[in-house]
């Protein structure tokens, strides 16, 4: 049975490892998230994110990382789901669905009215999973600035 719980500082090694696996599974470069960065950014004076852990049979099955946002069109609070990952051995057992439901429940209890996340077009299994949840797959272009591109923007 899948259990969802808030992530703790003690989950640093597991979350950093799964973040690395997620990045590599998406065809990207390894995640820069280290256990130390997870602890500092998630559990300091001003946490940058919240996280949930899925457990199955006393083993960590997956995680979700999310952070608060605001939508001016609906004048409402919401959450951006940054990462959703389930370890291969626990897929098709309800962990992904339980994590999404856990994030949505957290949102609702926090006064939020929406969730937003992105998925790579090439990640067909994830897109199929999201369609089964009956969520909208929007035709949106996501803009991103990292590294030197971010530096250029901040220096304009």
N, C-alpha and C. Protein backbone atom coordinates (compact mmCIF):
# COMPACT_ATOMS: atom_id res chain seq x y z
N UNK A 1 0.84 -1.18 0.00
CA UNK A 1 0.00 0.00 0.00
C UNK A 1 0.88 1.25 0.00
N UNK A 2 0.49 2.23 -0.76
CA UNK A 2 1.24 3.48 -0.88
C UNK A 2 0.80 4.45 0.21
N UNK A 3 1.77 5.01 0.89
CA UNK A 3 1.53 6.03 1.91
C UNK A 3 2.24 7.31 1.46
N UNK A 4 1.59 8.46 1.64
CA UNK A 4 2.18 9.75 1.31
C UNK A 4 2.45 10.50 2.61
N UNK A 5 3.63 11.09 2.69
CA UNK A 5 3.99 11.87 3.87
C UNK A 5 4.82 13.07 3.44
N UNK A 6 4.86 14.10 4.28
CA UNK A 6 5.74 15.24 3.98
C UNK A 6 7.20 14.78 3.99
N UNK A 7 7.97 15.31 3.09
CA UNK A 7 9.40 15.01 3.07
C UNK A 7 10.05 15.68 4.28
N UNK A 8 11.11 15.07 4.76
CA UNK A 8 11.86 15.63 5.88
C UNK A 8 13.30 15.87 5.45
N UNK A 9 14.02 16.52 6.31
CA UNK A 9 15.44 16.78 6.05
C UNK A 9 16.22 15.47 5.93
N UNK A 10 15.72 14.42 6.58
CA UNK A 10 16.38 13.11 6.52
C UNK A 10 16.21 12.41 5.18
N UNK A 11 15.34 12.93 4.32
CA UNK A 11 15.12 12.34 3.00
C UNK A 11 16.10 12.88 1.95
N UNK A 12 17.05 13.68 2.38
CA UNK A 12 17.94 14.38 1.44
C UNK A 12 18.64 13.44 0.46
N UNK A 13 19.24 12.38 0.95
CA UNK A 13 19.96 11.47 0.05
C UNK A 13 19.02 10.82 -0.96
N UNK A 14 17.86 10.38 -0.49
CA UNK A 14 16.91 9.71 -1.37
C UNK A 14 16.37 10.66 -2.43
N UNK A 15 15.98 11.87 -2.03
CA UNK A 15 15.42 12.83 -2.99
C UNK A 15 16.48 13.25 -4.00
N UNK A 16 17.69 13.53 -3.55
CA UNK A 16 18.76 13.91 -4.48
C UNK A 16 19.03 12.78 -5.48
N UNK A 17 19.03 11.56 -5.02
CA UNK A 17 19.23 10.42 -5.91
C UNK A 17 18.12 10.27 -6.93
N UNK A 18 16.88 10.44 -6.48
CA UNK A 18 15.75 10.33 -7.41
C UNK A 18 15.72 11.50 -8.38
N UNK A 19 16.11 12.70 -7.94
CA UNK A 19 16.17 13.86 -8.84
C UNK A 19 17.19 13.60 -9.95
N UNK A 20 18.29 12.98 -9.59
CA UNK A 20 19.31 12.62 -10.59
C UNK A 20 18.73 11.61 -11.58
N UNK A 21 18.05 10.61 -11.08
CA UNK A 21 17.43 9.60 -11.95
C UNK A 21 16.39 10.23 -12.86
N UNK A 22 15.60 11.17 -12.33
CA UNK A 22 14.59 11.85 -13.14
C UNK A 22 15.25 12.62 -14.28
N UNK A 23 16.27 13.39 -13.97
CA UNK A 23 16.96 14.17 -15.01
C UNK A 23 17.52 13.27 -16.09
N UNK A 24 18.14 12.18 -15.70
CA UNK A 24 18.73 11.27 -16.68
C UNK A 24 17.65 10.56 -17.49
N UNK A 25 16.53 10.23 -16.86
CA UNK A 25 15.45 9.54 -17.59
C UNK A 25 14.80 10.46 -18.62
N UNK A 26 14.86 11.76 -18.38
CA UNK A 26 14.32 12.74 -19.33
C UNK A 26 15.29 13.04 -20.46
N UNK A 27 16.47 12.41 -20.43
CA UNK A 27 17.46 12.65 -21.45
C UNK A 27 18.31 13.88 -21.18
N UNK A 28 18.21 14.42 -19.99
CA UNK A 28 18.98 15.61 -19.64
C UNK A 28 20.27 15.26 -18.95
N UNK A 29 20.95 16.29 -18.52
CA UNK A 29 22.17 16.09 -17.75
C UNK A 29 21.79 15.82 -16.30
N UNK A 30 22.69 15.24 -15.53
CA UNK A 30 22.36 14.93 -14.13
C UNK A 30 21.94 16.18 -13.35
N UNK A 31 21.01 16.00 -12.46
CA UNK A 31 20.54 17.09 -11.61
C UNK A 31 21.67 17.62 -10.75
N UNK A 32 21.66 18.92 -10.51
CA UNK A 32 22.63 19.55 -9.61
C UNK A 32 22.21 19.44 -8.15
N UNK A 33 21.05 18.86 -7.89
CA UNK A 33 20.57 18.78 -6.51
C UNK A 33 21.42 17.79 -5.72
N UNK A 34 22.04 18.30 -4.68
CA UNK A 34 22.81 17.47 -3.76
C UNK A 34 22.03 17.37 -2.45
N UNK A 35 22.34 16.39 -1.63
CA UNK A 35 21.67 16.33 -0.33
C UNK A 35 21.85 17.63 0.48
N UNK A 36 23.02 18.23 0.39
CA UNK A 36 23.28 19.47 1.12
C UNK A 36 22.41 20.61 0.60
N UNK A 37 22.26 20.71 -0.72
CA UNK A 37 21.44 21.76 -1.33
C UNK A 37 19.96 21.54 -0.99
N UNK A 38 19.53 20.29 -1.00
CA UNK A 38 18.15 19.94 -0.62
C UNK A 38 17.87 20.42 0.80
N UNK A 39 18.78 20.13 1.71
CA UNK A 39 18.59 20.53 3.11
C UNK A 39 18.55 22.05 3.24
N UNK A 40 19.49 22.72 2.59
CA UNK A 40 19.58 24.18 2.71
C UNK A 40 18.39 24.89 2.08
N UNK A 41 17.97 24.45 0.88
CA UNK A 41 16.91 25.14 0.16
C UNK A 41 15.51 24.73 0.60
N UNK A 42 15.38 23.55 1.16
CA UNK A 42 14.05 23.07 1.54
C UNK A 42 13.71 23.20 3.01
N UNK A 43 14.72 23.44 3.84
CA UNK A 43 14.46 23.39 5.28
C UNK A 43 15.12 24.53 6.05
N UNK A 44 15.51 25.59 5.36
CA UNK A 44 16.10 26.74 6.03
C UNK A 44 15.03 27.70 6.53
N UNK A 45 15.44 28.94 6.75
CA UNK A 45 14.53 29.97 7.25
C UNK A 45 13.43 30.32 6.25
N UNK A 46 13.74 30.23 4.98
CA UNK A 46 12.76 30.55 3.94
C UNK A 46 12.78 29.44 2.89
N UNK A 47 12.08 28.33 3.15
CA UNK A 47 12.13 27.19 2.22
C UNK A 47 11.68 27.57 0.82
N UNK A 48 12.43 27.12 -0.18
CA UNK A 48 12.12 27.41 -1.57
C UNK A 48 11.08 26.45 -2.14
N UNK A 49 10.86 25.34 -1.48
CA UNK A 49 9.94 24.33 -2.00
C UNK A 49 9.37 23.50 -0.86
N UNK A 50 8.34 22.76 -1.21
CA UNK A 50 7.78 21.72 -0.34
C UNK A 50 7.94 20.40 -1.08
N UNK A 51 7.89 19.31 -0.35
CA UNK A 51 8.05 18.01 -0.99
C UNK A 51 7.24 16.95 -0.25
N UNK A 52 6.80 15.97 -1.00
CA UNK A 52 6.10 14.81 -0.45
C UNK A 52 6.87 13.56 -0.86
N UNK A 53 6.77 12.56 -0.02
CA UNK A 53 7.41 11.27 -0.26
C UNK A 53 6.33 10.20 -0.35
N UNK A 54 6.44 9.32 -1.34
CA UNK A 54 5.58 8.14 -1.42
C UNK A 54 6.38 6.96 -0.87
N UNK A 55 5.77 6.23 0.05
CA UNK A 55 6.41 5.04 0.61
C UNK A 55 5.55 3.82 0.33
N UNK A 56 6.23 2.71 0.11
CA UNK A 56 5.56 1.43 -0.10
C UNK A 56 6.39 0.37 0.60
N UNK A 57 5.77 -0.36 1.50
CA UNK A 57 6.47 -1.41 2.24
C UNK A 57 7.75 -0.88 2.91
N UNK A 58 7.64 0.27 3.55
CA UNK A 58 8.76 0.90 4.27
C UNK A 58 9.93 1.29 3.38
N UNK A 59 9.70 1.43 2.09
CA UNK A 59 10.73 1.86 1.16
C UNK A 59 10.24 3.12 0.45
N UNK A 60 11.14 4.03 0.13
CA UNK A 60 10.75 5.23 -0.60
C UNK A 60 10.50 4.86 -2.06
N UNK A 61 9.28 5.13 -2.51
CA UNK A 61 8.87 4.78 -3.86
C UNK A 61 9.02 5.95 -4.83
N UNK A 62 8.87 7.17 -4.33
CA UNK A 62 8.93 8.33 -5.20
C UNK A 62 8.81 9.61 -4.42
N UNK A 63 8.81 10.72 -5.16
CA UNK A 63 8.72 12.02 -4.51
C UNK A 63 8.06 13.04 -5.44
N UNK A 64 7.59 14.12 -4.85
CA UNK A 64 7.09 15.28 -5.58
C UNK A 64 7.67 16.52 -4.92
N UNK A 65 8.15 17.44 -5.73
CA UNK A 65 8.64 18.74 -5.26
C UNK A 65 7.76 19.80 -5.89
N UNK A 66 7.31 20.76 -5.09
CA UNK A 66 6.42 21.80 -5.59
C UNK A 66 6.63 23.08 -4.82
N UNK A 67 6.14 24.17 -5.40
CA UNK A 67 6.24 25.46 -4.73
C UNK A 67 5.03 26.31 -5.06
N UNK A 68 4.78 27.27 -4.20
CA UNK A 68 3.60 28.11 -4.32
C UNK A 68 3.73 29.12 -5.47
N UNK A 69 2.58 29.46 -6.03
CA UNK A 69 2.53 30.45 -7.09
C UNK A 69 1.24 31.25 -7.00
N UNK A 70 1.09 32.18 -7.93
CA UNK A 70 -0.10 33.02 -7.96
C UNK A 70 -0.47 33.27 -9.41
N UNK A 71 -1.76 33.22 -9.71
CA UNK A 71 -2.27 33.47 -11.05
C UNK A 71 -3.13 34.72 -11.03
N UNK A 72 -2.72 35.74 -11.78
CA UNK A 72 -3.49 36.98 -11.78
C UNK A 72 -4.80 36.85 -12.54
N UNK A 73 -4.86 35.97 -13.56
CA UNK A 73 -6.11 35.80 -14.30
C UNK A 73 -7.24 35.33 -13.40
N UNK A 74 -6.96 34.37 -12.56
CA UNK A 74 -8.00 33.85 -11.66
C UNK A 74 -7.90 34.46 -10.27
N UNK A 75 -6.92 35.34 -10.07
CA UNK A 75 -6.68 35.96 -8.76
C UNK A 75 -6.68 34.90 -7.67
N UNK A 76 -5.85 33.88 -7.90
CA UNK A 76 -5.85 32.77 -6.94
C UNK A 76 -4.46 32.19 -6.76
N UNK A 77 -4.30 31.59 -5.59
CA UNK A 77 -3.07 30.89 -5.27
C UNK A 77 -3.08 29.50 -5.90
N UNK A 78 -1.90 29.00 -6.14
CA UNK A 78 -1.78 27.67 -6.69
C UNK A 78 -0.41 27.11 -6.40
N UNK A 79 -0.12 26.01 -7.06
CA UNK A 79 1.15 25.32 -6.86
C UNK A 79 1.71 24.91 -8.21
N UNK A 80 3.01 25.10 -8.37
CA UNK A 80 3.72 24.58 -9.52
C UNK A 80 4.42 23.30 -9.09
N UNK A 81 4.08 22.21 -9.74
CA UNK A 81 4.71 20.92 -9.47
C UNK A 81 6.00 20.86 -10.29
N UNK A 82 7.13 20.92 -9.61
CA UNK A 82 8.42 20.95 -10.30
C UNK A 82 8.90 19.55 -10.67
N UNK A 83 8.76 18.59 -9.77
CA UNK A 83 9.22 17.22 -10.01
C UNK A 83 8.17 16.23 -9.53
N UNK A 84 7.97 15.20 -10.32
CA UNK A 84 7.18 14.04 -9.91
C UNK A 84 7.95 12.83 -10.42
N UNK A 85 8.36 11.98 -9.51
CA UNK A 85 9.16 10.83 -9.91
C UNK A 85 8.80 9.63 -9.05
N UNK A 86 8.66 8.49 -9.72
CA UNK A 86 8.42 7.22 -9.04
C UNK A 86 9.50 6.25 -9.52
N UNK A 87 10.16 5.62 -8.57
CA UNK A 87 11.20 4.65 -8.91
C UNK A 87 10.60 3.49 -9.72
N UNK A 88 11.37 3.00 -10.65
CA UNK A 88 10.92 1.96 -11.59
C UNK A 88 10.22 0.79 -10.90
N UNK A 89 10.78 0.31 -9.81
CA UNK A 89 10.22 -0.86 -9.12
C UNK A 89 8.83 -0.61 -8.55
N UNK A 90 8.43 0.66 -8.44
CA UNK A 90 7.15 0.99 -7.82
C UNK A 90 6.14 1.56 -8.81
N UNK A 91 6.47 1.57 -10.08
CA UNK A 91 5.55 2.13 -11.08
C UNK A 91 4.37 1.19 -11.29
N UNK A 92 3.26 1.79 -11.68
CA UNK A 92 2.00 1.08 -11.94
C UNK A 92 1.41 0.47 -10.67
N UNK A 93 1.75 1.08 -9.53
CA UNK A 93 1.19 0.61 -8.26
C UNK A 93 0.44 1.72 -7.54
N UNK A 94 0.27 2.87 -8.21
CA UNK A 94 -0.51 3.96 -7.62
C UNK A 94 0.29 5.05 -6.94
N UNK A 95 1.62 4.95 -6.97
CA UNK A 95 2.44 5.96 -6.28
C UNK A 95 2.35 7.33 -6.95
N UNK A 96 2.40 7.36 -8.27
CA UNK A 96 2.30 8.64 -8.98
C UNK A 96 0.97 9.32 -8.73
N UNK A 97 -0.09 8.55 -8.85
CA UNK A 97 -1.44 9.08 -8.59
C UNK A 97 -1.55 9.57 -7.15
N UNK A 98 -1.00 8.82 -6.21
CA UNK A 98 -1.07 9.21 -4.80
C UNK A 98 -0.26 10.48 -4.55
N UNK A 99 0.87 10.63 -5.21
CA UNK A 99 1.66 11.86 -5.05
C UNK A 99 0.92 13.07 -5.61
N UNK A 100 0.33 12.93 -6.80
CA UNK A 100 -0.45 14.03 -7.39
C UNK A 100 -1.60 14.40 -6.46
N UNK A 101 -2.31 13.40 -5.96
CA UNK A 101 -3.42 13.67 -5.03
C UNK A 101 -2.92 14.33 -3.76
N UNK A 102 -1.76 13.91 -3.28
CA UNK A 102 -1.19 14.52 -2.08
C UNK A 102 -0.84 15.98 -2.28
N UNK A 103 -0.27 16.30 -3.44
CA UNK A 103 0.04 17.70 -3.74
C UNK A 103 -1.25 18.51 -3.86
N UNK A 104 -2.25 17.96 -4.55
CA UNK A 104 -3.53 18.67 -4.69
C UNK A 104 -4.17 18.90 -3.33
N UNK A 105 -4.11 17.92 -2.45
CA UNK A 105 -4.67 18.07 -1.11
C UNK A 105 -3.91 19.15 -0.33
N UNK A 106 -2.60 19.15 -0.42
CA UNK A 106 -1.79 20.19 0.22
C UNK A 106 -2.22 21.56 -0.29
N UNK A 107 -2.39 21.67 -1.62
CA UNK A 107 -2.81 22.93 -2.24
C UNK A 107 -4.14 23.40 -1.66
N UNK A 108 -5.10 22.52 -1.68
CA UNK A 108 -6.43 22.88 -1.20
C UNK A 108 -6.38 23.34 0.25
N UNK A 109 -5.67 22.62 1.10
CA UNK A 109 -5.57 23.00 2.51
C UNK A 109 -4.85 24.34 2.69
N UNK A 110 -4.01 24.70 1.73
CA UNK A 110 -3.27 25.96 1.77
C UNK A 110 -4.05 27.10 1.11
N UNK A 111 -5.27 26.83 0.66
CA UNK A 111 -6.09 27.85 0.02
C UNK A 111 -5.85 27.99 -1.47
N UNK A 112 -5.14 27.06 -2.06
CA UNK A 112 -4.84 27.12 -3.49
C UNK A 112 -6.00 26.53 -4.30
N UNK A 113 -6.08 26.98 -5.56
CA UNK A 113 -7.17 26.54 -6.43
C UNK A 113 -6.70 25.91 -7.73
N UNK A 114 -5.40 25.79 -7.91
CA UNK A 114 -4.91 25.21 -9.16
C UNK A 114 -3.53 24.59 -8.97
N UNK A 115 -3.20 23.73 -9.92
CA UNK A 115 -1.86 23.14 -10.03
C UNK A 115 -1.41 23.28 -11.47
N UNK A 116 -0.14 23.48 -11.64
CA UNK A 116 0.43 23.60 -12.97
C UNK A 116 1.73 22.82 -12.98
N UNK A 117 2.01 22.15 -14.08
CA UNK A 117 3.30 21.48 -14.23
C UNK A 117 3.57 21.31 -15.71
N UNK A 118 4.77 20.94 -16.02
CA UNK A 118 5.15 20.74 -17.41
C UNK A 118 5.65 19.32 -17.60
N UNK A 119 5.60 18.88 -18.83
CA UNK A 119 6.12 17.55 -19.18
C UNK A 119 6.75 17.67 -20.56
N UNK A 120 7.88 17.03 -20.73
CA UNK A 120 8.54 17.07 -22.03
C UNK A 120 7.69 16.34 -23.06
N UNK A 121 7.60 16.90 -24.26
CA UNK A 121 6.82 16.26 -25.32
C UNK A 121 7.28 14.84 -25.57
N UNK A 122 8.58 14.60 -25.46
CA UNK A 122 9.10 13.27 -25.75
C UNK A 122 8.82 12.25 -24.64
N UNK A 123 8.32 12.71 -23.51
CA UNK A 123 8.04 11.81 -22.38
C UNK A 123 6.62 11.25 -22.51
N UNK A 124 6.46 10.34 -23.44
CA UNK A 124 5.13 9.78 -23.73
C UNK A 124 4.50 9.04 -22.55
N UNK A 125 5.26 8.26 -21.79
CA UNK A 125 4.63 7.60 -20.64
C UNK A 125 4.04 8.59 -19.64
N UNK A 126 4.74 9.69 -19.39
CA UNK A 126 4.22 10.69 -18.45
C UNK A 126 2.98 11.36 -19.03
N UNK A 127 3.00 11.69 -20.31
CA UNK A 127 1.83 12.33 -20.93
C UNK A 127 0.62 11.40 -20.88
N UNK A 128 0.85 10.13 -21.12
CA UNK A 128 -0.24 9.15 -21.05
C UNK A 128 -0.79 9.08 -19.62
N UNK A 129 0.10 9.07 -18.64
CA UNK A 129 -0.31 9.06 -17.23
C UNK A 129 -1.17 10.28 -16.92
N UNK A 130 -0.75 11.47 -17.36
CA UNK A 130 -1.51 12.68 -17.06
C UNK A 130 -2.87 12.68 -17.77
N UNK A 131 -2.93 12.14 -18.98
CA UNK A 131 -4.23 12.05 -19.67
C UNK A 131 -5.20 11.17 -18.88
N UNK A 132 -4.68 10.09 -18.30
CA UNK A 132 -5.55 9.21 -17.50
C UNK A 132 -6.09 9.93 -16.27
N UNK A 133 -5.42 10.97 -15.82
CA UNK A 133 -5.90 11.75 -14.68
C UNK A 133 -6.94 12.79 -15.10
N UNK A 134 -7.21 12.86 -16.40
CA UNK A 134 -8.18 13.80 -16.96
C UNK A 134 -7.79 15.26 -16.74
N UNK A 135 -6.49 15.53 -16.78
CA UNK A 135 -6.04 16.92 -16.70
C UNK A 135 -5.86 17.44 -18.12
N UNK A 136 -5.89 18.75 -18.27
CA UNK A 136 -5.70 19.37 -19.57
C UNK A 136 -4.23 19.37 -19.94
N UNK A 137 -3.93 18.97 -21.17
CA UNK A 137 -2.59 19.12 -21.72
C UNK A 137 -2.64 20.36 -22.60
N UNK A 138 -2.16 21.47 -22.08
CA UNK A 138 -2.24 22.76 -22.75
C UNK A 138 -1.18 22.88 -23.84
N UNK A 139 -1.50 23.69 -24.84
CA UNK A 139 -0.54 24.00 -25.89
C UNK A 139 0.19 25.27 -25.46
N UNK A 140 1.21 25.09 -24.64
CA UNK A 140 1.94 26.21 -24.05
C UNK A 140 3.41 26.06 -24.38
N UNK A 141 4.05 27.16 -24.69
CA UNK A 141 5.49 27.17 -24.86
C UNK A 141 6.09 27.69 -23.56
N UNK A 142 7.01 26.94 -23.01
CA UNK A 142 7.65 27.34 -21.76
C UNK A 142 8.99 27.98 -22.08
N UNK A 143 9.20 29.16 -21.54
CA UNK A 143 10.46 29.86 -21.72
C UNK A 143 11.33 29.61 -20.50
N UNK A 144 12.60 29.45 -20.71
CA UNK A 144 13.51 29.18 -19.60
C UNK A 144 14.83 29.91 -19.83
N UNK A 145 15.40 30.42 -18.77
CA UNK A 145 16.71 31.06 -18.83
C UNK A 145 17.56 30.52 -17.69
N UNK A 146 18.62 29.83 -18.04
CA UNK A 146 19.55 29.27 -17.06
C UNK A 146 20.96 29.72 -17.41
N UNK A 147 21.84 29.69 -16.45
CA UNK A 147 23.25 29.96 -16.69
C UNK A 147 23.49 31.33 -17.31
N UNK A 148 24.21 31.34 -18.43
CA UNK A 148 24.58 32.60 -19.08
C UNK A 148 23.36 33.35 -19.59
N UNK A 149 22.34 32.64 -20.06
CA UNK A 149 21.12 33.30 -20.52
C UNK A 149 20.45 34.04 -19.36
N UNK A 150 20.42 33.43 -18.19
CA UNK A 150 19.87 34.09 -17.01
C UNK A 150 20.71 35.31 -16.64
N UNK A 151 22.03 35.15 -16.68
CA UNK A 151 22.92 36.27 -16.36
C UNK A 151 22.65 37.45 -17.29
N UNK A 152 22.48 37.17 -18.59
CA UNK A 152 22.21 38.26 -19.54
C UNK A 152 20.90 38.96 -19.20
N UNK A 153 19.87 38.21 -18.86
CA UNK A 153 18.59 38.83 -18.50
C UNK A 153 18.73 39.71 -17.27
N UNK A 154 19.45 39.23 -16.29
CA UNK A 154 19.56 39.99 -15.05
C UNK A 154 20.44 41.22 -15.19
N UNK A 155 21.21 41.28 -16.28
CA UNK A 155 22.10 42.42 -16.50
C UNK A 155 21.57 43.39 -17.54
N UNK A 156 20.38 43.19 -18.03
CA UNK A 156 19.81 44.07 -19.07
C UNK A 156 19.52 45.44 -18.51
